């Protein structure tokens, strides 16, 4: 398991309120465990839209749309 995946696992251990993570950390963690770019995009979009994660840093408050 890569460092990014460990970071995501640590984030998942946080209480049930929205977990805070940067977009870079989220992409790195999901990419470590995914088989394709499409899976990375779908997973990140789902996590943000279902408010399971809250982006912090430069993308705080940003929404994700798939075009």
Foldseek 3Di string as FASTA:
>chain_A
DDPLLVVVVVQVPDPQQAGEDAPVSLLVNQVVVDDDPVSSLVVVLVCVVVRNHAYDDPQGPPHDDDD
